Amino acid sequence: MGRAAPVFVAWSLGICAFCAVAYCLVFPAPTTGLTTPLLAGWLLERMPRWGYNLLVRGLFSVALIGFLAAMTVALVAGPRALRAGRARRGALLCVCGLLLAAAYCGGPMLWYARSRHAMDEMRAAGRARMAELRAHLESGRAEGAQRDTMWQFYARGLYRDEGIAAEIPDANGRLISYQPSEADVAARASYVRMLEGLQSPTGHLMGSAAWTALCLAVGMLTPLRFPWVRRKTGTAAGREE
């Protein structure tokens, strides 16, 4: 395993990088950072929905498996190479494995922190816009049909963001509670699901840290040669003599 480990790690990382780039190119979401909407649209026009979903999930799964395989082999083979006296190879594998483990443990936490910060900024900006719009409406500068349209827009936005049915004036100037439509209810439900889906990856952090510790323990505690391997080697040597 000592000689094959660096090659295996390099191949696994190469496959992971290729699938990760392909995933970013075909996945039509701005969170990937390398989105190509034209390519995603071209694939969606020429592939059935189930085939496109299978392609996206397959690329992500292969990239993740390649990453985990490289990290696991590096963390196990690195300490074993150091114990066997191959200092340069062992140090290289250990550094590579620890860097991959740090990325695997900390990557989701960094993504969560950035996403949460962006989400909080978006919600704060939405509240500021709603407050500014209400102040503009209450000042009386909007009149007629434009005022009614702006009150409806304000009520829809407040219901979607906060789930509150605001009181808005009707045609006679009386305050009435806004009655959300089915589209408003669906938009609110989608918004709530988006907020609930952004959960802290604490469980992933604990699991990845435990897996890293297990790989290092296997590399440091398992014997360098197993008895049945020595017996097989000894028997073959005896036959050659």
Protein backbone atom coordinates (compact mmCIF):
# COMPACT_ATOMS: atom_id res chain seq x y z
CA MET A 1 0.00 0.00 0.00
CA GLY A 2 2.95 2.34 0.64
CA ARG A 3 3.92 2.87 -2.98
CA ALA A 4 0.38 2.82 -4.33
CA ALA A 5 -1.05 5.25 -1.77
CA PRO A 6 0.25 8.52 -3.33
CA VAL A 7 -0.92 7.43 -6.77
CA PHE A 8 -4.33 6.47 -5.43
CA VAL A 9 -4.66 9.80 -3.60
CA ALA A 10 -3.68 11.75 -6.73
CA TRP A 11 -6.15 9.84 -8.92
CA SER A 12 -8.95 10.23 -6.37
CA LEU A 13 -8.37 13.97 -6.11
CA GLY A 14 -8.28 14.27 -9.89
CA ILE A 15 -11.61 12.49 -10.23
CA CYS A 16 -13.04 14.62 -7.41
CA ALA A 17 -11.88 17.86 -9.06
CA PHE A 18 -13.24 16.85 -12.48
CA CYS A 19 -16.67 15.90 -11.09
CA ALA A 20 -16.81 19.00 -8.88
CA VAL A 21 -16.13 21.32 -11.82
CA ALA A 22 -18.67 19.45 -13.97
CA TYR A 23 -21.21 19.70 -11.14
CA CYS A 24 -20.71 23.46 -10.89
CA LEU A 25 -21.14 23.82 -14.63
CA VAL A 26 -24.40 21.91 -14.90
CA PHE A 27 -26.08 22.89 -11.63
CA PRO A 28 -28.25 26.00 -12.19
CA ALA A 29 -27.82 27.63 -8.78
CA PRO A 30 -25.86 30.81 -7.96
CA THR A 31 -24.45 29.26 -4.76
CA THR A 32 -21.99 27.11 -6.73
CA GLY A 33 -20.04 30.16 -7.86
CA LEU A 34 -19.24 28.73 -11.32
CA THR A 35 -22.76 28.53 -12.68
CA THR A 36 -23.25 28.39 -16.44
CA PRO A 37 -27.00 28.88 -16.92
CA LEU A 38 -26.72 28.38 -20.70
CA LEU A 39 -25.21 24.91 -20.25
CA ALA A 40 -27.77 24.00 -17.60
CA GLY A 41 -30.59 25.23 -19.82
CA TRP A 42 -29.18 23.32 -22.81
CA LEU A 43 -29.09 20.10 -20.77
CA LEU A 44 -32.58 20.65 -19.40
CA GLU A 45 -33.94 21.11 -22.93
CA ARG A 46 -32.38 17.87 -24.18
CA MET A 47 -32.64 15.59 -21.15
CA PRO A 48 -35.64 14.37 -19.17
CA ARG A 49 -35.97 15.77 -15.68
CA TRP A 50 -35.10 12.46 -14.01
CA GLY A 51 -32.00 12.11 -16.19
CA TYR A 52 -30.80 15.60 -15.34
CA ASN A 53 -31.38 15.03 -11.60
CA LEU A 54 -29.50 11.73 -11.84
CA LEU A 55 -26.59 13.48 -13.59
CA VAL A 56 -26.34 16.20 -10.96
CA ARG A 57 -26.57 13.79 -8.02
CA GLY A 58 -24.15 11.36 -9.66
CA LEU A 59 -21.51 14.04 -10.21
CA PHE A 60 -21.83 15.24 -6.63
CA SER A 61 -21.69 11.70 -5.23
CA VAL A 62 -18.62 10.71 -7.27
CA ALA A 63 -16.83 13.93 -6.29
CA LEU A 64 -17.59 13.32 -2.61
CA ILE A 65 -16.53 9.66 -2.78
CA GLY A 66 -13.25 10.61 -4.49
CA PHE A 67 -12.56 13.23 -1.86
CA LEU A 68 -13.29 10.87 1.04
CA ALA A 69 -11.24 8.07 -0.52
CA ALA A 70 -8.23 10.34 -0.94
CA MET A 71 -8.55 11.68 2.60
CA THR A 72 -8.96 8.22 4.15
CA VAL A 73 -6.03 6.64 2.31
CA ALA A 74 -3.75 9.59 3.05
CA LEU A 75 -4.61 9.58 6.77
CA VAL A 76 -4.04 5.83 7.05
CA ALA A 77 -1.01 5.43 4.76
CA GLY A 78 0.80 8.54 6.04
CA PRO A 79 1.40 7.37 9.64
CA ARG A 80 2.17 3.83 8.42
CA ALA A 81 4.84 5.19 6.04
CA LEU A 82 6.39 7.22 8.86
CA ARG A 83 6.48 4.16 11.10
CA ALA A 84 8.12 2.16 8.30
CA GLY A 85 10.91 4.73 7.96
CA ARG A 86 9.74 6.39 4.74
CA ALA A 87 9.77 9.89 6.20
CA ARG A 88 9.34 11.94 3.03
CA ARG A 89 6.44 9.92 1.67
CA GLY A 90 4.79 9.65 5.07
CA ALA A 91 5.07 13.39 5.76
CA LEU A 92 3.61 14.22 2.35
CA LEU A 93 0.67 11.87 2.86
CA CYS A 94 0.04 13.13 6.41
CA VAL A 95 0.03 16.77 5.32
CA CYS A 96 -2.26 15.96 2.39
CA GLY A 97 -4.63 13.95 4.59
CA LEU A 98 -4.79 16.62 7.30
CA LEU A 99 -5.47 19.36 4.74
CA LEU A 100 -8.26 17.31 3.19
CA ALA A 101 -9.66 16.53 6.65
CA ALA A 102 -9.60 20.23 7.56
CA ALA A 103 -11.46 21.04 4.33
CA TYR A 104 -13.97 18.24 4.93
CA CYS A 105 -14.59 19.30 8.53
CA GLY A 106 -14.49 23.07 8.11
CA GLY A 107 -15.86 23.49 4.59
CA PRO A 108 -19.53 23.00 5.49
CA MET A 109 -19.13 25.24 8.55
CA LEU A 110 -17.62 28.01 6.40
CA TRP A 111 -20.38 27.61 3.82
CA TYR A 112 -23.02 27.75 6.57
CA ALA A 113 -21.50 30.87 8.12
CA ARG A 114 -21.36 32.68 4.77
CA SER A 115 -24.88 31.58 3.83
CA ARG A 116 -26.28 32.59 7.21
CA HIS A 117 -24.59 35.98 6.98
CA ALA A 118 -25.96 36.53 3.46
CA MET A 119 -29.42 35.43 4.61
CA ASP A 120 -29.37 37.80 7.59
CA GLU A 121 -28.28 40.68 5.37
CA MET A 122 -31.03 39.88 2.88
CA ARG A 123 -33.69 39.80 5.61
CA ALA A 124 -32.40 43.04 7.15
CA ALA A 125 -32.47 44.75 3.76
CA GLY A 126 -36.01 43.45 3.18
CA ARG A 127 -37.19 44.85 6.51
CA ALA A 128 -35.58 48.19 5.72
CA ARG A 129 -37.30 48.33 2.33
CA MET A 130 -40.66 47.45 3.86
CA ALA A 131 -40.25 50.13 6.55
CA GLU A 132 -39.26 52.71 3.93
CA LEU A 133 -42.22 51.77 1.76
CA ARG A 134 -44.67 52.04 4.67
CA ALA A 135 -43.26 55.42 5.66
CA HIS A 136 -43.70 56.59 2.06
CA LEU A 137 -47.29 55.35 1.99
CA GLU A 138 -48.20 56.89 5.35
CA SER A 139 -46.76 60.24 4.26
CA GLY A 140 -49.60 60.56 1.74
CA ARG A 141 -47.37 61.22 -1.26
CA ALA A 142 -48.84 58.25 -3.16
CA GLU A 143 -52.37 58.76 -4.45
CA GLY A 144 -55.09 56.91 -6.29
CA ALA A 145 -54.47 53.56 -7.96
CA GLN A 146 -50.74 53.84 -7.39
CA ARG A 147 -51.29 54.02 -3.64
CA ASP A 148 -53.54 50.95 -3.63
CA THR A 149 -51.02 48.99 -5.69
CA MET A 150 -48.18 49.97 -3.37
CA TRP A 151 -50.20 48.98 -0.28
CA GLN A 152 -50.90 45.57 -1.84
CA PHE A 153 -47.20 45.17 -2.65
CA TYR A 154 -46.28 46.10 0.91
CA ALA A 155 -48.78 43.65 2.41
CA ARG A 156 -47.63 40.79 0.17
CA GLY A 157 -43.97 41.41 1.01
CA LEU A 158 -44.64 41.63 4.74
CA TYR A 159 -46.66 38.42 4.71
CA ARG A 160 -43.98 36.55 2.77
CA ASP A 161 -41.08 37.75 4.95
CA GLU A 162 -42.70 37.85 8.40
CA GLY A 163 -45.93 35.88 8.06
CA ILE A 164 -47.91 38.90 9.28
CA ALA A 165 -51.22 39.98 7.74
CA ALA A 166 -50.82 43.75 7.73
CA GLU A 167 -53.68 46.20 8.06
CA ILE A 168 -54.02 48.26 4.89
CA PRO A 169 -56.58 50.90 3.89
CA ASP A 170 -59.34 49.94 1.49
CA ALA A 171 -60.91 52.12 -1.20
CA ASN A 172 -62.88 54.02 1.49
CA GLY A 173 -59.87 54.57 3.72
CA ARG A 174 -60.87 52.02 6.36
CA LEU A 175 -58.17 49.68 7.71
CA ILE A 176 -58.71 46.04 6.85
CA SER A 177 -56.53 42.96 7.36
CA TYR A 178 -54.77 41.79 4.24
CA GLN A 179 -56.11 38.48 2.97
CA PRO A 180 -53.24 36.49 1.44
CA SER A 181 -53.92 34.67 -1.79
CA GLU A 182 -52.91 31.09 -2.57
CA ALA A 183 -49.81 32.41 -4.34
CA ASP A 184 -48.89 34.39 -1.20
CA VAL A 185 -49.32 31.33 1.02
CA ALA A 186 -47.18 29.24 -1.35
CA ALA A 187 -44.48 31.94 -1.43
CA ARG A 188 -44.48 32.11 2.38
CA ALA A 189 -44.21 28.32 2.68
CA SER A 190 -41.31 28.24 0.22
CA TYR A 191 -39.55 31.03 2.11
CA VAL A 192 -39.96 29.22 5.44
CA ARG A 193 -38.62 25.97 3.95
CA MET A 194 -35.57 27.84 2.69
CA LEU A 195 -34.91 29.26 6.15
CA GLU A 196 -35.41 25.90 7.85
CA GLY A 197 -33.17 24.15 5.34
CA LEU A 198 -30.22 26.31 6.36
CA GLN A 199 -29.21 24.33 9.46
CA SER A 200 -25.90 24.31 11.27
CA PRO A 201 -23.74 21.32 10.18
CA THR A 202 -22.70 20.49 13.74
CA GLY A 203 -23.50 16.80 13.24
CA HIS A 204 -21.35 16.68 10.12
CA LEU A 205 -18.47 18.32 12.01
CA MET A 206 -18.62 15.75 14.80
CA GLY A 207 -18.89 12.82 12.38
CA SER A 208 -16.02 14.01 10.17
CA ALA A 209 -13.80 14.65 13.21
CA ALA A 210 -14.53 11.14 14.50
CA TRP A 211 -13.74 9.63 11.08
CA THR A 212 -10.46 11.57 10.92
CA ALA A 213 -9.46 10.32 14.37
CA LEU A 214 -10.37 6.75 13.41
CA CYS A 215 -8.25 6.88 10.24
CA LEU A 216 -5.26 8.25 12.15
CA ALA A 217 -5.68 5.56 14.82
CA VAL A 218 -5.74 2.84 12.15
CA GLY A 219 -2.59 4.24 10.60
CA MET A 220 -0.73 4.53 13.90
CA LEU A 221 -1.86 1.35 15.70
CA THR A 222 -2.25 -1.38 13.09
CA PRO A 223 0.79 -3.62 12.50
CA LEU A 224 2.95 -2.84 9.47
CA ARG A 225 2.98 -6.50 8.44
CA PHE A 226 0.33 -9.02 9.23
CA PRO A 227 1.24 -12.61 10.27
CA TRP A 228 -0.45 -14.27 7.31
CA VAL A 229 1.46 -12.00 4.91
CA ARG A 230 4.78 -13.00 6.49
CA ARG A 231 3.90 -16.69 6.36
CA LYS A 232 2.98 -16.44 2.72
CA THR A 233 6.18 -14.55 1.93
CA GLY A 234 8.29 -17.03 3.88
CA THR A 235 6.74 -20.00 2.12
CA ALA A 236 7.37 -18.46 -1.28
CA ALA A 237 11.01 -17.76 -0.35
CA GLY A 238 11.46 -21.35 0.79
CA ARG A 239 10.17 -22.66 -2.49
CA GLU A 240 12.57 -20.46 -4.43
CA GLU A 241 15.49 -21.86 -2.41
